[in-house]
C-alpha atoms as a PDB file:
ATOM      1  CA  MET A   1      69.710  93.998  80.439  1.00  0.00           C
ATOM      2  CA  LEU A   2      71.857  97.120  80.632  1.00  0.00           C
ATOM      3  CA  PRO A   3      71.306 100.001  78.193  1.00  0.00           C
ATOM      4  CA  ASP A   4      73.292 100.110  74.958  1.00  0.00           C
ATOM      5  CA  ASN A   5      76.224 102.502  74.575  1.00  0.00           C
ATOM      6  CA  GLN A   6      75.021 105.988  73.642  1.00  0.00           C
ATOM      7  CA  VAL A   7      76.440 108.829  71.574  1.00  0.00           C
ATOM      8  CA  VAL A   8      79.036 110.930  73.440  1.00  0.00           C
ATOM      9  CA  SER A   9      77.020 114.112  73.114  1.00  0.00           C
ATOM     10  CA  ARG A  10      73.996 112.703  74.943  1.00  0.00           C
ATOM     11  CA  GLN A  11      73.121 114.973  77.844  1.00  0.00           C
ATOM     12  CA  LEU A  12      73.154 113.719  81.436  1.00  0.00           C
ATOM     13  CA  HIS A  13      69.531 113.448  82.480  1.00  0.00           C
ATOM     14  CA  GLY A  14      69.021 114.808  85.983  1.00  0.00           C
ATOM     15  CA  SER A  15      72.643 115.823  86.438  1.00  0.00           C
ATOM     16  CA  GLY A  16      73.470 118.468  89.006  1.00  0.00           C
ATOM     17  CA  SER A  17      76.248 120.871  89.848  1.00  0.00           C
ATOM     18  CA  LYS A  18      78.423 118.080  91.291  1.00  0.00           C
ATOM     19  CA  GLU A  19      78.375 116.148  88.033  1.00  0.00           C
ATOM     20  CA  LEU A  20      79.113 119.263  85.988  1.00  0.00           C
ATOM     21  CA  ASP A  21      82.012 120.135  88.292  1.00  0.00           C
ATOM     22  CA  ILE A  22      83.425 116.607  87.868  1.00  0.00           C
ATOM     23  CA  LEU A  23      83.225 116.793  84.074  1.00  0.00           C
ATOM     24  CA  TYR A  24      84.792 120.260  84.068  1.00  0.00           C
ATOM     25  CA  ARG A  25      87.736 119.077  86.198  1.00  0.00           C
ATOM     26  CA  ILE A  26      88.259 116.033  83.995  1.00  0.00           C
ATOM     27  CA  SER A  27      88.127 118.138  80.826  1.00  0.00           C
ATOM     28  CA  GLU A  28      90.787 120.427  82.338  1.00  0.00           C
ATOM     29  CA  LEU A  29      93.216 117.600  83.092  1.00  0.00           C
ATOM     30  CA  VAL A  30      92.904 116.348  79.491  1.00  0.00           C
ATOM     31  CA  HIS A  31      94.962 119.380  78.388  1.00  0.00           C
ATOM     32  CA  SER A  32      97.832 118.695  80.799  1.00  0.00           C
ATOM     33  CA  VAL A  33      97.894 114.901  81.243  1.00  0.00           C
ATOM     34  CA  HIS A  34      98.674 112.976  78.088  1.00  0.00           C
ATOM     35  CA  THR A  35      98.877 109.277  78.931  1.00  0.00           C
ATOM     36  CA  SER A  36      95.865 107.036  79.444  1.00  0.00           C
ATOM     37  CA  LYS A  37      97.267 105.703  82.741  1.00  0.00           C
ATOM     38  CA  GLU A  38      97.689 109.176  84.246  1.00  0.00           C
ATOM     39  CA  ARG A  39      94.294 110.337  83.021  1.00  0.00           C
ATOM     40  CA  PHE A  40      92.673 107.290  84.611  1.00  0.00           C
ATOM     41  CA  LEU A  41      94.371 107.846  87.990  1.00  0.00           C
ATOM     42  CA  HIS A  42      93.509 111.565  87.995  1.00  0.00           C
ATOM     43  CA  THR A  43      89.916 110.796  87.030  1.00  0.00           C
ATOM     44  CA  MET A  44      89.580 108.211  89.799  1.00  0.00           C
ATOM     45  CA  GLU A  45      90.976 110.714  92.330  1.00  0.00           C
ATOM     46  CA  ILE A  46      88.290 113.207  91.296  1.00  0.00           C
ATOM     47  CA  LEU A  47      85.558 110.553  91.539  1.00  0.00           C
ATOM     48  CA  ASP A  48      86.925 109.402  94.898  1.00  0.00           C
ATOM     49  CA  GLU A  49      86.698 112.949  96.262  1.00  0.00           C
ATOM     50  CA  SER A  50      83.198 113.490  94.862  1.00  0.00           C
ATOM     51  CA  PHE A  51      81.468 110.168  95.527  1.00  0.00           C
ATOM     52  CA  GLY A  52      83.508 108.591  98.333  1.00  0.00           C
ATOM     53  CA  GLU A  53      85.936 105.686  98.528  1.00  0.00           C
ATOM     54  CA  ARG A  54      85.931 103.518  95.435  1.00  0.00           C
ATOM     55  CA  TYR A  55      87.873 100.989  93.427  1.00  0.00           C
ATOM     56  CA  GLY A  56      88.579 100.958  89.714  1.00  0.00           C
ATOM     57  CA  THR A  57      90.733  99.449  86.986  1.00  0.00           C
ATOM     58  CA  LEU A  58      91.855 100.363  83.488  1.00  0.00           C
ATOM     59  CA  THR A  59      92.693  97.559  81.044  1.00  0.00           C
ATOM     60  CA  LEU A  60      93.832  98.241  77.467  1.00  0.00           C
ATOM     61  CA  LEU A  61      94.386  95.955  74.509  1.00  0.00           C
ATOM     62  CA  SER A  62      97.896  95.520  73.171  1.00  0.00           C
ATOM     63  CA  PRO A  63      98.571  96.932  69.677  1.00  0.00           C
ATOM     64  CA  SER A  64      98.506  93.380  68.299  1.00  0.00           C
ATOM     65  CA  LYS A  65      95.121  92.808  69.995  1.00  0.00           C
ATOM     66  CA  LYS A  66      96.434  89.429  71.193  1.00  0.00           C
ATOM     67  CA  GLY A  67      96.700  90.371  74.847  1.00  0.00           C
ATOM     68  CA  PHE A  68      96.362  93.127  77.430  1.00  0.00           C
ATOM     69  CA  LEU A  69      99.069  95.746  77.587  1.00  0.00           C
ATOM     70  CA  LEU A  70      98.162  97.816  80.623  1.00  0.00           C
ATOM     71  CA  GLU A  71      96.130  97.216  83.747  1.00  0.00           C
ATOM     72  CA  VAL A  72      96.085  99.986  86.330  1.00  0.00           C
ATOM     73  CA  ALA A  73      94.217  99.652  89.608  1.00  0.00           C
ATOM     74  CA  PHE A  74      93.032 102.456  91.883  1.00  0.00           C
ATOM     75  CA  GLY A  75      91.894 102.021  95.474  1.00  0.00           C
ATOM     76  CA  ASP A  76      91.836  99.038  97.800  1.00  0.00           C
ATOM     77  CA  PRO A  77      89.554  96.139  96.830  1.00  0.00           C
ATOM     78  CA  SER A  78      90.298  94.238 100.060  1.00  0.00           C
ATOM     79  CA  ARG A  79      87.830  96.332 102.053  1.00  0.00           C
ATOM     80  CA  HIS A  80      85.159  93.879 100.833  1.00  0.00           C
ATOM     81  CA  GLU A  81      85.552  90.275 101.983  1.00  0.00           C
ATOM     82  CA  GLY A  82      86.318  88.005  99.052  1.00  0.00           C
ATOM     83  CA  TYR A  83      86.905  90.898  96.679  1.00  0.00           C
ATOM     84  CA  LEU A  84      89.219  89.892  93.837  1.00  0.00           C
ATOM     85  CA  GLN A  85      92.067  92.134  92.683  1.00  0.00           C
ATOM     86  CA  GLY A  86      91.708  93.392  89.138  1.00  0.00           C
ATOM     87  CA  LEU A  87      89.365  92.253  86.418  1.00  0.00           C
ATOM     88  CA  ASN A  88      89.189  88.816  84.900  1.00  0.00           C
ATOM     89  CA  HIS A  89      90.407  89.016  81.298  1.00  0.00           C
ATOM     90  CA  ALA A  90      87.361  87.023  80.222  1.00  0.00           C
ATOM     91  CA  ILE A  91      85.222  89.900  81.533  1.00  0.00           C
ATOM     92  CA  VAL A  92      87.277  92.443  79.602  1.00  0.00           C
ATOM     93  CA  LYS A  93      86.870  90.405  76.418  1.00  0.00           C
ATOM     94  CA  GLU A  94      83.122  90.142  77.011  1.00  0.00           C
ATOM     95  CA  VAL A  95      82.713  93.906  77.480  1.00  0.00           C
ATOM     96  CA  LEU A  96      84.847  94.621  74.398  1.00  0.00           C
ATOM     97  CA  ALA A  97      82.959  92.066  72.326  1.00  0.00           C
ATOM     98  CA  HIS A  98      79.574  93.552  73.215  1.00  0.00           C
ATOM     99  CA  ALA A  99      80.957  97.138  73.143  1.00  0.00           C
ATOM    100  CA  HIS A 100      78.446  98.358  75.699  1.00  0.00           C
ATOM    101  CA  PRO A 101      78.495  98.930  79.488  1.00  0.00           C
ATOM    102  CA  MET A 102      78.088  95.924  81.775  1.00  0.00           C
ATOM    103  CA  ALA A 103      77.912  95.442  85.557  1.00  0.00           C
ATOM    104  CA  PHE A 104      79.671  92.616  87.403  1.00  0.00           C
ATOM    105  CA  SER A 105      79.841  91.305  90.932  1.00  0.00           C
ATOM    106  CA  PRO A 106      83.362  92.052  92.272  1.00  0.00           C
ATOM    107  CA  ILE A 107      83.252  88.841  94.320  1.00  0.00           C
ATOM    108  CA  THR A 108      81.951  86.291  91.828  1.00  0.00           C
ATOM    109  CA  LEU A 109      82.909  88.283  88.682  1.00  0.00           C
ATOM    110  CA  LYS A 110      79.564  87.268  87.174  1.00  0.00           C
ATOM    111  CA  PRO A 111      77.273  89.700  85.300  1.00  0.00           C
ATOM    112  CA  LEU A 112      74.682  91.407  87.504  1.00  0.00           C
ATOM    113  CA  SER A 113      71.040  91.706  86.600  1.00  0.00           C
ATOM    114  CA  SER A 114      69.559  95.157  86.139  1.00  0.00           C
ATOM    115  CA  PRO A 115      68.297  96.246  88.543  1.00  0.00           C
ATOM    116  CA  PRO A 116      70.360  94.338  91.147  1.00  0.00           C
ATOM    117  CA  ARG A 117      68.624  92.567  94.005  1.00  0.00           C
ATOM    118  CA  SER A 118      69.630  95.109  96.676  1.00  0.00           C
ATOM    119  CA  LEU A 119      71.436  98.414  97.239  1.00  0.00           C
ATOM    120  CA  ALA A 120      74.219  96.511  99.012  1.00  0.00           C
ATOM    121  CA  GLU A 121      74.759  94.419  95.875  1.00  0.00           C
ATOM    122  CA  LYS A 122      74.743  97.523  93.689  1.00  0.00           C
ATOM    123  CA  ASN A 123      77.132  99.545  95.859  1.00  0.00           C
ATOM    124  CA  VAL A 124      79.971  97.010  95.551  1.00  0.00           C
ATOM    125  CA  ALA A 125      79.337  96.240  91.873  1.00  0.00           C
ATOM    126  CA  LEU A 126      81.884  97.052  89.178  1.00  0.00           C
ATOM    127  CA  LEU A 127      80.547  99.008  86.218  1.00  0.00           C
ATOM    128  CA  CYS A 128      82.631  98.207  83.128  1.00  0.00           C
ATOM    129  CA  MET A 129      82.704 100.835  80.384  1.00  0.00           C
ATOM    130  CA  PRO A 130      84.303 100.114  76.994  1.00  0.00           C
ATOM    131  CA  ILE A 131      86.795 102.768  75.848  1.00  0.00           C
ATOM    132  CA  VAL A 132      86.406 103.597  72.179  1.00  0.00           C
ATOM    133  CA  ASN A 133      89.269 104.863  70.027  1.00  0.00           C
ATOM    134  CA  ASN A 134      88.780 105.524  66.302  1.00  0.00           C
ATOM    135  CA  THR A 135      85.324 103.865  66.475  1.00  0.00           C
ATOM    136  CA  ARG A 136      86.877 100.700  67.925  1.00  0.00           C
ATOM    137  CA  ALA A 137      86.678  99.427  71.511  1.00  0.00           C
ATOM    138  CA  VAL A 138      90.287  99.206  72.742  1.00  0.00           C
ATOM    139  CA  GLY A 139      89.952  99.007  76.511  1.00  0.00           C
ATOM    140  CA  VAL A 140      87.733  98.842  79.562  1.00  0.00           C
ATOM    141  CA  MET A 141      87.416 101.243  82.489  1.00  0.00           C
ATOM    142  CA  SER A 142      85.703  99.936  85.621  1.00  0.00           C
ATOM    143  CA  THR A 143      84.577 101.597  88.832  1.00  0.00           C
ATOM    144  CA  ASN A 144      81.925 101.322  91.524  1.00  0.00           C
ATOM    145  CA  PRO A 145      78.471 102.856  90.903  1.00  0.00           C
ATOM    146  CA  PHE A 146      78.079 106.511  91.833  1.00  0.00           C
ATOM    147  CA  TYR A 147      74.482 106.780  93.047  1.00  0.00           C
ATOM    148  CA  ARG A 148      73.530 104.835  96.159  1.00  0.00           C
ATOM    149  CA  ASP A 149      69.906 105.900  96.409  1.00  0.00           C
ATOM    150  CA  THR A 150      68.482 103.872  93.516  1.00  0.00           C
ATOM    151  CA  LEU A 151      68.745 100.282  92.306  1.00  0.00           C
ATOM    152  CA  SER A 152      68.907 101.261  88.649  1.00  0.00           C
ATOM    153  CA  PHE A 153      72.284 101.424  86.896  1.00  0.00           C
ATOM    154  CA  ASP A 154      70.974 103.834  84.234  1.00  0.00           C
ATOM    155  CA  ARG A 155      72.074 107.086  85.853  1.00  0.00           C
ATOM    156  CA  ASP A 156      75.487 105.667  86.813  1.00  0.00           C
ATOM    157  CA  ILE A 157      76.118 104.434  83.277  1.00  0.00           C
ATOM    158  CA  ARG A 158      75.165 107.742  81.675  1.00  0.00           C
ATOM    159  CA  LEU A 159      77.671 109.590  83.868  1.00  0.00           C
ATOM    160  CA  LEU A 160      80.397 106.986  83.352  1.00  0.00           C
ATOM    161  CA  GLN A 161      79.920 107.119  79.571  1.00  0.00           C
ATOM    162  CA  VAL A 162      80.551 110.855  79.481  1.00  0.00           C
ATOM    163  CA  ILE A 163      83.465 110.554  81.941  1.00  0.00           C
ATOM    164  CA  ALA A 164      85.163 107.846  79.849  1.00  0.00           C
ATOM    165  CA  CYS A 165      84.732 109.805  76.616  1.00  0.00           C
ATOM    166  CA  THR A 166      85.965 113.041  78.218  1.00  0.00           C
ATOM    167  CA  ALA A 167      88.955 111.510  80.012  1.00  0.00           C
ATOM    168  CA  PHE A 168      90.280 109.526  77.074  1.00  0.00           C
ATOM    169  CA  GLN A 169      89.647 111.855  74.163  1.00  0.00           C
ATOM    170  CA  ASN A 170      92.829 112.113  72.070  1.00  0.00           C
ATOM    171  CA  ALA A 171      94.752 109.978  74.579  1.00  0.00           C
ATOM    172  CA  PRO A 172      97.435 107.737  73.059  1.00  0.00           C
ATOM    173  CA  LEU A 173      95.869 104.306  73.514  1.00  0.00           C
ATOM    174  CA  PRO A 174      97.471 100.999  72.504  1.00  0.00           C
ATOM    175  CA  GLY A 175      94.629 100.320  70.081  1.00  0.00           C
ATOM    176  CA  ASP A 176      95.501 103.362  67.972  1.00  0.00           C
ATOM    177  CA  ASP A 177      97.253 101.987  64.873  1.00  0.00           C
ATOM    178  CA  SER A 178      98.723 105.401  64.069  1.00  0.00           C
ATOM    179  CA  LEU A 179     100.607 105.463  67.379  1.00  0.00           C
ATOM    180  CA  GLY A 180     103.288 103.031  66.235  1.00  0.00           C
ATOM    181  CA  SER A 181     104.189 105.083  63.179  1.00  0.00           C
ATOM    182  CA  ARG A 182     104.971 108.103  65.368  1.00  0.00           C
ATOM    183  CA  GLU A 183     107.297 106.199  67.693  1.00  0.00           C
ATOM    184  CA  PRO A 184     110.984 106.504  66.742  1.00  0.00           C
ATOM    185  CA  LYS A 185     112.922 103.302  66.196  1.00  0.00           C
ATOM    186  CA  GLY A 186     115.965 102.326  68.265  1.00  0.00           C
ATOM    187  CA  ASP A 187     116.634 103.565  71.778  1.00  0.00           C
ATOM    188  CA  PRO A 188     113.861 105.561  73.495  1.00  0.00           C
ATOM    189  CA  PRO A 189     114.424 109.334  73.308  1.00  0.00           C
ATOM    190  CA  LEU A 190     114.633 109.554  77.120  1.00  0.00           C
ATOM    191  CA  ASP A 191     117.634 107.218  77.155  1.00  0.00           C
ATOM    192  CA  LYS A 192     119.431 109.345  74.575  1.00  0.00           C
ATOM    193  CA  ILE A 193     118.695 112.594  76.390  1.00  0.00           C
ATOM    194  CA  LEU A 194     119.861 111.278  79.768  1.00  0.00           C
ATOM    195  CA  GLU A 195     122.957 109.658  78.266  1.00  0.00           C
ATOM    196  CA  ARG A 196     123.981 112.898  76.533  1.00  0.00           C
ATOM    197  CA  LYS A 197     123.309 115.215  79.481  1.00  0.00           C
ATOM    198  CA  LEU A 198     124.831 112.980  82.143  1.00  0.00           C
ATOM    199  CA  GLY A 199     127.807 112.252  79.894  1.00  0.00           C
ATOM    200  CA  LEU A 200     128.529 115.979  79.567  1.00  0.00           C
ATOM    201  CA  MET A 201     128.238 116.436  83.319  1.00  0.00           C
ATOM    202  CA  ILE A 202     130.543 113.487  84.142  1.00  0.00           C
ATOM    203  CA  GLU A 203     133.150 114.722  81.657  1.00  0.00           C
ATOM    204  CA  LYS A 204     133.387 117.976  83.627  1.00  0.00           C
ATOM    205  CA  VAL A 205     134.338 116.129  86.827  1.00  0.00           C
ATOM    206  CA  ASP A 206     137.974 116.787  87.697  1.00  0.00           C
ATOM    207  CA  PRO A 207     139.760 113.397  87.837  1.00  0.00           C
ATOM    208  CA  ARG A 208     142.055 114.749  90.542  1.00  0.00           C
ATOM    209  CA  THR A 209     139.076 114.960  92.905  1.00  0.00           C
ATOM    210  CA  GLU A 210     137.360 111.821  91.644  1.00  0.00           C
ATOM    211  CA  SER A 211     138.490 109.712  94.568  1.00  0.00           C
ATOM    212  CA  ARG A 212     137.105 112.260  97.027  1.00  0.00           C
ATOM    213  CA  CYS A 213     133.646 112.797  95.458  1.00  0.00           C
ATOM    214  CA  ALA A 214     130.533 110.643  95.766  1.00  0.00           C
ATOM    215  CA  LEU A 215     129.667 110.899  92.078  1.00  0.00           C
ATOM    216  CA  LEU A 216     127.063 108.138  91.789  1.00  0.00           C
ATOM    217  CA  PRO A 217     125.068 109.029  94.956  1.00  0.00           C
ATOM    218  CA  ASP A 218     125.154 112.708  93.988  1.00  0.00           C
ATOM    219  CA  ILE A 219     123.813 112.030  90.491  1.00  0.00           C
ATOM    220  CA  VAL A 220     121.134 109.630  91.770  1.00  0.00           C
ATOM    221  CA  SER A 221     119.964 112.192  94.352  1.00  0.00           C
ATOM    222  CA  LEU A 222     119.959 114.967  91.755  1.00  0.00           C
ATOM    223  CA  VAL A 223     117.899 112.916  89.279  1.00  0.00           C
ATOM    224  CA  GLU A 224     115.490 111.839  92.046  1.00  0.00           C
ATOM    225  CA  LYS A 225     114.991 115.430  93.143  1.00  0.00           C
ATOM    226  CA  ILE A 226     114.324 116.670  89.597  1.00  0.00           C
ATOM    227  CA  VAL A 227     111.905 113.832  88.798  1.00  0.00           C
ATOM    228  CA  ILE A 228     109.959 114.220  92.063  1.00  0.00           C
ATOM    229  CA  LYS A 229     109.699 118.010  91.676  1.00  0.00           C
ATOM    230  CA  TRP A 230     108.398 117.694  88.108  1.00  0.00           C
ATOM    231  CA  ALA A 231     105.988 114.905  89.114  1.00  0.00           C
ATOM    232  CA  LEU A 232     104.606 117.057  91.954  1.00  0.00           C
ATOM    233  CA  LYS A 233     104.214 119.983  89.571  1.00  0.00           C
ATOM    234  CA  ARG A 234     102.446 117.807  87.000  1.00  0.00           C
ATOM    235  CA  HIS A 235     100.044 116.494  89.641  1.00  0.00           C
ATOM    236  CA  LYS A 236      99.480 119.932  91.203  1.00  0.00           C
ATOM    237  CA  ASN A 237     101.241 118.868  94.440  1.00  0.00           C
ATOM    238  CA  VAL A 238      98.746 116.040  95.095  1.00  0.00           C
ATOM    239  CA  GLN A 239     100.990 113.501  96.804  1.00  0.00           C
ATOM    240  CA  THR A 240      98.696 110.492  96.258  1.00  0.00           C
ATOM    241  CA  GLY A 241      98.654 110.968  92.494  1.00  0.00           C
ATOM    242  CA  THR A 242     102.385 111.776  92.431  1.00  0.00           C
ATOM    243  CA  ALA A 243     103.242 108.584  94.322  1.00  0.00           C
ATOM    244  CA  LEU A 244     101.079 106.484  91.979  1.00  0.00           C
ATOM    245  CA  PHE A 245     102.730 108.123  88.964  1.00  0.00           C
ATOM    246  CA  LEU A 246     106.230 107.432  90.350  1.00  0.00           C
ATOM    247  CA  GLY A 247     105.360 103.849  91.327  1.00  0.00           C
ATOM    248  CA  ILE A 248     106.101 104.312  95.053  1.00  0.00           C
ATOM    249  CA  ASN A 249     103.859 104.572  98.103  1.00  0.00           C
ATOM    250  CA  ARG A 250     103.003 107.903  99.684  1.00  0.00           C
ATOM    251  CA  ASN A 251     105.150 107.332 102.805  1.00  0.00           C
ATOM    252  CA  THR A 252     108.208 106.673 100.634  1.00  0.00           C
ATOM    253  CA  LEU A 253     107.477 109.838  98.654  1.00  0.00           C
ATOM    254  CA  ARG A 254     107.234 111.921 101.828  1.00  0.00           C
ATOM    255  CA  LYS A 255     110.534 110.505 103.138  1.00  0.00           C
ATOM    256  CA  LYS A 256     112.294 111.253  99.843  1.00  0.00           C
ATOM    257  CA  MET A 257     110.866 114.792  99.828  1.00  0.00           C
ATOM    258  CA  LYS A 258     112.207 115.334 103.355  1.00  0.00           C
ATOM    259  CA  ASP A 259     115.641 113.840 102.561  1.00  0.00           C
ATOM    260  CA  LEU A 260     115.951 115.854  99.329  1.00  0.00           C
ATOM    261  CA  ASN A 261     114.636 119.068 100.933  1.00  0.00           C
ATOM    262  CA  ILE A 262     111.650 119.366  98.583  1.00  0.00           C
ATOM    263  CA  HIS A 263     108.903 121.664  99.812  1.00  0.00           C
ATOM    264  CA  VAL A 264     105.394 122.154  98.397  1.00  0.00           C
END
């Protein structure tokens, strides 16, 4: 039986400088990264650097609580034979219903006993941590265990609890009922902004040269360059995180940066 969920302020027993550095870095990104998806990917990058290659997912409830709105995966699950991509929704529902951490086998997707039967079984396990928003569990974050020198999940769960609370504090999550009231009705603001700005720019094009200018390719390249530069800035020039944010692979990002003459 895994330990019950603890209060956020509980101290990490036996934590060292590495753990404190991780929590500090995560607390810093909270001020600059505002969506739950981005916070998850940044957090997993930090954990990947600190504890080695890992896999993780983030699954959030839809505002209606009738389905799952967002599932983000980090890492490559195929490095383990038989490893299934993503989390079974039945597992997510089980973790949310119990509202406490649980460990599952990534191959069978069945709950693991605590302690597991071997270190090999523990190392590939998925720890599932409920994400709480306004005292209500609204999502699940999963990742591999951190500590590979003990069979117990206790230390891993304590660290993951603090990480989840730190990374998702004040993040706009689908389970937050107040989120919908702040969203404007009608077209998204981004559509209106782009339509107005691009409209002004197109109106300035001289029709006498219209047949000789590549208007559409020029605008597409300009928008791509601006978006990539801002994405790189937001992710502190980390190309892996930037590519994930943009929804392209890292090789495509590098090619676009070369073609658009973007230097970091």
